[in-house]
Amino acid sequence: MRVKSESRRQAIVAAAAEVFLERGYEIASMTEIAERSGGSKATLYSYFPSKEALFLVVMKQQAEEYMVEAFGRLSPGSDLAGTLRKFGEHYLNVILLPDLLIMRSIVMGEGPRSGMGRVFFDSGPAEGWGQLARFLEGEMAAGRLRPAKPWRAALHLINLLEADYLESFMTGFAEAPSAQQIVASAQEAVQVYLHGYGRSSSRDLGMLENGSSGRVDAEVPEPVNQ
């Protein structure tokens, strides 16, 4: 009887991440992943029943590794505009990492056929966005944001932050933005956001001298557990 170990599992996940990034999801094979991890296919399947299950673990682990610090920057009771800007800058720096762009494009391509997109959303972005929603709910309760549905308010902020980089998400590739571009994108997104959601004090803190613009966001369903 084979004894499972966390070190062996992590070796498989690390090897799978390399293969998925190099080959893409469709071409990547469990055979190559097993070879890259230094084990057999039998061992691989004893840990992960399918390539899809393994890919979802890779995605979730990468998202958690990079996103923990971003959502950890949401400090209740501090300068709201500054907190949102710092969060936005870190969030954009993370989601625009080449590896995450490639993984996200794989999910977008495979999701409609396999349901992978729904599973990934529930186990990945929904968790982080839920944390953002809870932070915003606290700011609403404190009177720093106007009352609204927290989940919807979180989606509006995420969509504003990502607006300048939709092509990157669609293709999985784009020229890396400069640090100044990231700062400007986050600042403008927070400015527009506080223009809609902020009370007078937080709205003034988030404004830029050159005015603001608005946008309409697509409907995204709230996860059942939110």
Protein backbone atom coordinates (compact mmCIF):
# COMPACT_ATOMS: atom_id res chain seq x y z
CA MET A 1 0.00 0.00 0.00
CA ARG A 2 1.42 3.37 -1.04
CA VAL A 3 1.81 5.94 1.70
CA LYS A 4 0.87 9.44 0.64
CA SER A 5 3.01 12.34 1.77
CA GLU A 6 2.65 16.10 1.56
CA SER A 7 6.15 16.46 0.13
CA ARG A 8 5.31 14.10 -2.74
CA ARG A 9 2.03 15.93 -3.36
CA GLN A 10 3.81 19.28 -3.51
CA ALA A 11 6.42 17.87 -5.89
CA ILE A 12 3.62 16.79 -8.22
CA VAL A 13 1.91 20.20 -8.01
CA ALA A 14 5.19 22.01 -8.73
CA ALA A 15 5.92 19.76 -11.72
CA ALA A 16 2.37 20.21 -13.00
CA ALA A 17 2.67 24.01 -12.79
CA GLU A 18 5.79 23.89 -14.96
CA VAL A 19 4.18 21.63 -17.56
CA PHE A 20 0.92 23.61 -17.75
CA LEU A 21 2.84 26.86 -18.23
CA GLU A 22 5.10 25.37 -20.90
CA ARG A 23 2.54 23.29 -22.83
CA GLY A 24 -0.85 24.75 -22.04
CA TYR A 25 -3.68 22.73 -20.55
CA GLU A 26 -4.76 20.78 -23.62
CA ILE A 27 -1.31 19.53 -24.64
CA ALA A 28 -0.02 18.92 -21.12
CA SER A 29 -0.11 15.21 -20.26
CA MET A 30 -0.24 13.34 -17.00
CA THR A 31 2.61 11.20 -18.32
CA GLU A 32 4.94 14.18 -18.63
CA ILE A 33 3.86 15.54 -15.26
CA ALA A 34 4.62 12.19 -13.63
CA GLU A 35 8.04 12.06 -15.27
CA ARG A 36 8.80 15.67 -14.33
CA SER A 37 7.87 14.97 -10.70
CA GLY A 38 10.11 11.91 -10.56
CA GLY A 39 7.30 9.42 -9.99
CA SER A 40 4.97 7.09 -11.84
CA LYS A 41 1.54 7.69 -13.36
CA ALA A 42 0.09 5.31 -10.79
CA THR A 43 1.47 7.47 -8.00
CA LEU A 44 0.23 10.61 -9.72
CA TYR A 45 -3.32 9.27 -10.04
CA SER A 46 -3.32 8.18 -6.41
CA TYR A 47 -3.04 11.87 -5.50
CA PHE A 48 -5.10 13.46 -8.29
CA PRO A 49 -7.90 11.61 -10.14
CA SER A 50 -7.66 13.72 -13.31
CA LYS A 51 -5.69 16.40 -15.11
CA GLU A 52 -8.48 18.88 -14.43
CA ALA A 53 -8.38 18.21 -10.68
CA LEU A 54 -4.61 18.70 -10.68
CA PHE A 55 -4.85 21.92 -12.67
CA LEU A 56 -7.39 23.37 -10.25
CA VAL A 57 -5.07 22.64 -7.33
CA VAL A 58 -2.21 24.35 -9.18
CA MET A 59 -4.37 27.40 -9.86
CA LYS A 60 -5.69 27.66 -6.33
CA GLN A 61 -2.25 27.28 -4.78
CA GLN A 62 -0.73 29.95 -7.02
CA ALA A 63 -3.61 32.34 -6.35
CA GLU A 64 -3.33 31.84 -2.60
CA GLU A 65 0.44 32.23 -2.65
CA TYR A 66 0.31 35.57 -4.42
CA MET A 67 -2.98 37.01 -3.18
CA VAL A 68 -2.68 36.59 0.58
CA GLU A 69 -0.54 39.71 0.92
CA ALA A 70 -2.77 41.79 -1.37
CA PHE A 71 -5.96 41.14 0.58
CA GLY A 72 -4.01 41.37 3.83
CA ARG A 73 -3.44 45.05 3.07
CA LEU A 74 -7.10 45.82 3.74
CA SER A 75 -6.84 47.41 7.20
CA PRO A 76 -10.18 48.50 8.72
CA GLY A 77 -10.27 51.95 10.26
CA SER A 78 -7.27 53.38 8.42
CA ASP A 79 -7.20 55.95 5.62
CA LEU A 80 -9.75 54.42 3.24
CA ALA A 81 -8.56 55.98 -0.01
CA GLY A 82 -4.93 55.18 0.77
CA THR A 83 -5.77 51.63 1.81
CA LEU A 84 -7.70 50.98 -1.39
CA ARG A 85 -4.93 52.45 -3.53
CA LYS A 86 -2.25 50.30 -1.88
CA PHE A 87 -4.46 47.25 -2.21
CA GLY A 88 -5.12 48.07 -5.87
CA GLU A 89 -1.44 48.48 -6.67
CA HIS A 90 -0.50 45.16 -5.10
CA TYR A 91 -3.49 43.37 -6.63
CA LEU A 92 -2.55 44.56 -10.13
CA ASN A 93 1.11 43.68 -9.66
CA VAL A 94 0.06 40.15 -8.75
CA ILE A 95 -2.59 39.41 -11.37
CA LEU A 96 -0.34 40.76 -14.14
CA LEU A 97 2.46 38.32 -13.34
CA PRO A 98 3.19 36.33 -16.54
CA ASP A 99 2.50 32.93 -14.93
CA LEU A 100 -0.88 34.03 -13.58
CA LEU A 101 -1.86 35.59 -16.91
CA ILE A 102 -1.15 32.30 -18.68
CA MET A 103 -3.08 30.30 -16.09
CA ARG A 104 -6.03 32.67 -16.28
CA SER A 105 -6.15 32.41 -20.08
CA ILE A 106 -6.20 28.61 -19.77
CA VAL A 107 -9.21 28.80 -17.45
CA MET A 108 -10.98 31.18 -19.85
CA GLY A 109 -10.38 28.77 -22.73
CA GLU A 110 -11.29 25.56 -20.95
CA GLY A 111 -14.03 26.83 -18.65
CA PRO A 112 -17.01 26.74 -21.06
CA ARG A 113 -16.26 23.14 -22.09
CA SER A 114 -15.52 21.55 -18.76
CA GLY A 115 -17.04 23.71 -16.06
CA MET A 116 -13.49 24.42 -14.88
CA GLY A 117 -14.18 28.15 -14.79
CA ARG A 118 -16.98 27.79 -12.26
CA VAL A 119 -14.99 25.45 -10.04
CA PHE A 120 -11.93 27.69 -10.19
CA PHE A 121 -13.97 30.81 -9.43
CA ASP A 122 -15.56 29.24 -6.36
CA SER A 123 -12.24 28.00 -5.00
CA GLY A 124 -10.06 30.95 -6.02
CA PRO A 125 -11.23 34.50 -6.82
CA ALA A 126 -14.47 34.15 -4.86
CA GLU A 127 -12.52 33.67 -1.63
CA GLY A 128 -10.41 36.79 -2.10
CA TRP A 129 -13.31 38.87 -3.34
CA GLY A 130 -15.32 37.69 -0.35
CA GLN A 131 -12.60 39.03 1.93
CA LEU A 132 -12.76 42.35 0.09
CA ALA A 133 -16.56 42.37 0.42
CA ARG A 134 -16.29 41.88 4.19
CA PHE A 135 -13.80 44.75 4.44
CA LEU A 136 -16.11 47.04 2.45
CA GLU A 137 -19.06 45.99 4.59
CA GLY A 138 -17.14 47.14 7.65
CA GLU A 139 -16.40 50.48 6.00
CA MET A 140 -20.10 50.87 5.21
CA ALA A 141 -21.02 50.13 8.82
CA ALA A 142 -18.48 52.74 9.96
CA GLY A 143 -20.06 55.33 7.67
CA ARG A 144 -17.06 55.72 5.38
CA LEU A 145 -18.87 54.16 2.41
CA ARG A 146 -22.52 54.49 1.48
CA PRO A 147 -24.72 51.45 2.16
CA ALA A 148 -24.77 48.88 -0.66
CA LYS A 149 -24.50 45.15 -1.24
CA PRO A 150 -20.93 44.33 -0.14
CA TRP A 151 -20.37 41.62 -2.76
CA ARG A 152 -21.57 43.89 -5.55
CA ALA A 153 -19.40 46.73 -4.22
CA ALA A 154 -16.37 44.42 -4.21
CA LEU A 155 -16.99 43.43 -7.84
CA HIS A 156 -17.19 47.07 -8.89
CA LEU A 157 -13.79 47.79 -7.36
CA ILE A 158 -12.17 44.69 -8.90
CA ASN A 159 -13.62 45.51 -12.33
CA LEU A 160 -12.38 49.09 -12.15
CA LEU A 161 -8.89 47.92 -11.20
CA GLU A 162 -8.77 45.40 -14.06
CA ALA A 163 -10.33 47.67 -16.71
CA ASP A 164 -7.04 48.79 -18.29
CA TYR A 165 -5.77 45.23 -18.67
CA LEU A 166 -8.64 43.23 -20.19
CA GLU A 167 -6.59 42.39 -23.29
CA SER A 168 -3.91 40.89 -21.08
CA PHE A 169 -6.47 38.64 -19.40
CA MET A 170 -7.98 37.58 -22.73
CA THR A 171 -4.70 36.67 -24.42
CA GLY A 172 -2.52 35.68 -21.48
CA PHE A 173 0.18 37.99 -22.81
CA ALA A 174 0.93 41.70 -22.86
CA GLU A 175 3.85 44.01 -22.36
CA ALA A 176 4.35 44.41 -18.63
CA PRO A 177 3.08 47.80 -17.43
CA SER A 178 5.53 50.07 -15.65
CA ALA A 179 5.33 50.73 -11.94
CA GLN A 180 4.03 54.21 -12.76
CA GLN A 181 1.25 52.76 -14.91
CA ILE A 182 0.20 50.42 -12.11
CA VAL A 183 0.09 53.30 -9.63
CA ALA A 184 -1.93 55.45 -12.06
CA SER A 185 -4.40 52.63 -12.80
CA ALA A 186 -4.99 51.95 -9.11
CA GLN A 187 -5.33 55.65 -8.30
CA GLU A 188 -7.85 56.28 -11.07
CA ALA A 189 -9.86 53.16 -10.20
CA VAL A 190 -10.11 54.21 -6.55
CA GLN A 191 -11.01 57.76 -7.55
CA VAL A 192 -13.92 56.56 -9.68
CA TYR A 193 -14.93 54.03 -7.04
CA LEU A 194 -15.10 56.57 -4.22
CA HIS A 195 -16.97 58.99 -6.46
CA GLY A 196 -19.75 56.40 -6.54
CA TYR A 197 -19.48 54.71 -3.14
CA GLY A 198 -17.67 57.17 -0.90
CA ARG A 199 -19.11 59.52 1.66
CA SER A 200 -17.98 63.13 1.20
CA SER A 201 -14.76 62.80 3.23
CA SER A 202 -13.52 59.56 1.64
CA ARG A 203 -14.63 60.75 -1.79
CA ASP A 204 -12.56 63.93 -1.48
CA LEU A 205 -9.49 61.96 -0.40
CA GLY A 206 -9.76 59.70 -3.41
CA MET A 207 -10.22 62.38 -6.05
CA LEU A 208 -7.62 63.36 -8.64
CA GLU A 209 -7.19 66.82 -10.09
CA ASN A 210 -8.10 65.75 -13.62
CA GLY A 211 -11.60 64.54 -12.81
CA SER A 212 -13.13 61.06 -13.07
CA SER A 213 -14.90 58.72 -15.44
CA GLY A 214 -17.52 56.01 -14.99
CA ARG A 215 -18.16 52.56 -16.42
CA VAL A 216 -20.82 49.87 -16.37
CA ASP A 217 -19.91 46.43 -15.03
CA ALA A 218 -21.26 43.08 -16.17
CA GLU A 219 -23.34 41.08 -13.73
CA VAL A 220 -21.39 38.42 -11.85
CA PRO A 221 -23.37 36.11 -9.55
CA GLU A 222 -22.53 36.06 -5.87
CA PRO A 223 -21.21 32.68 -4.67
CA VAL A 224 -23.62 30.70 -2.55
CA ASN A 225 -21.32 30.83 0.47
CA GLN A 226 -20.89 34.60 0.45
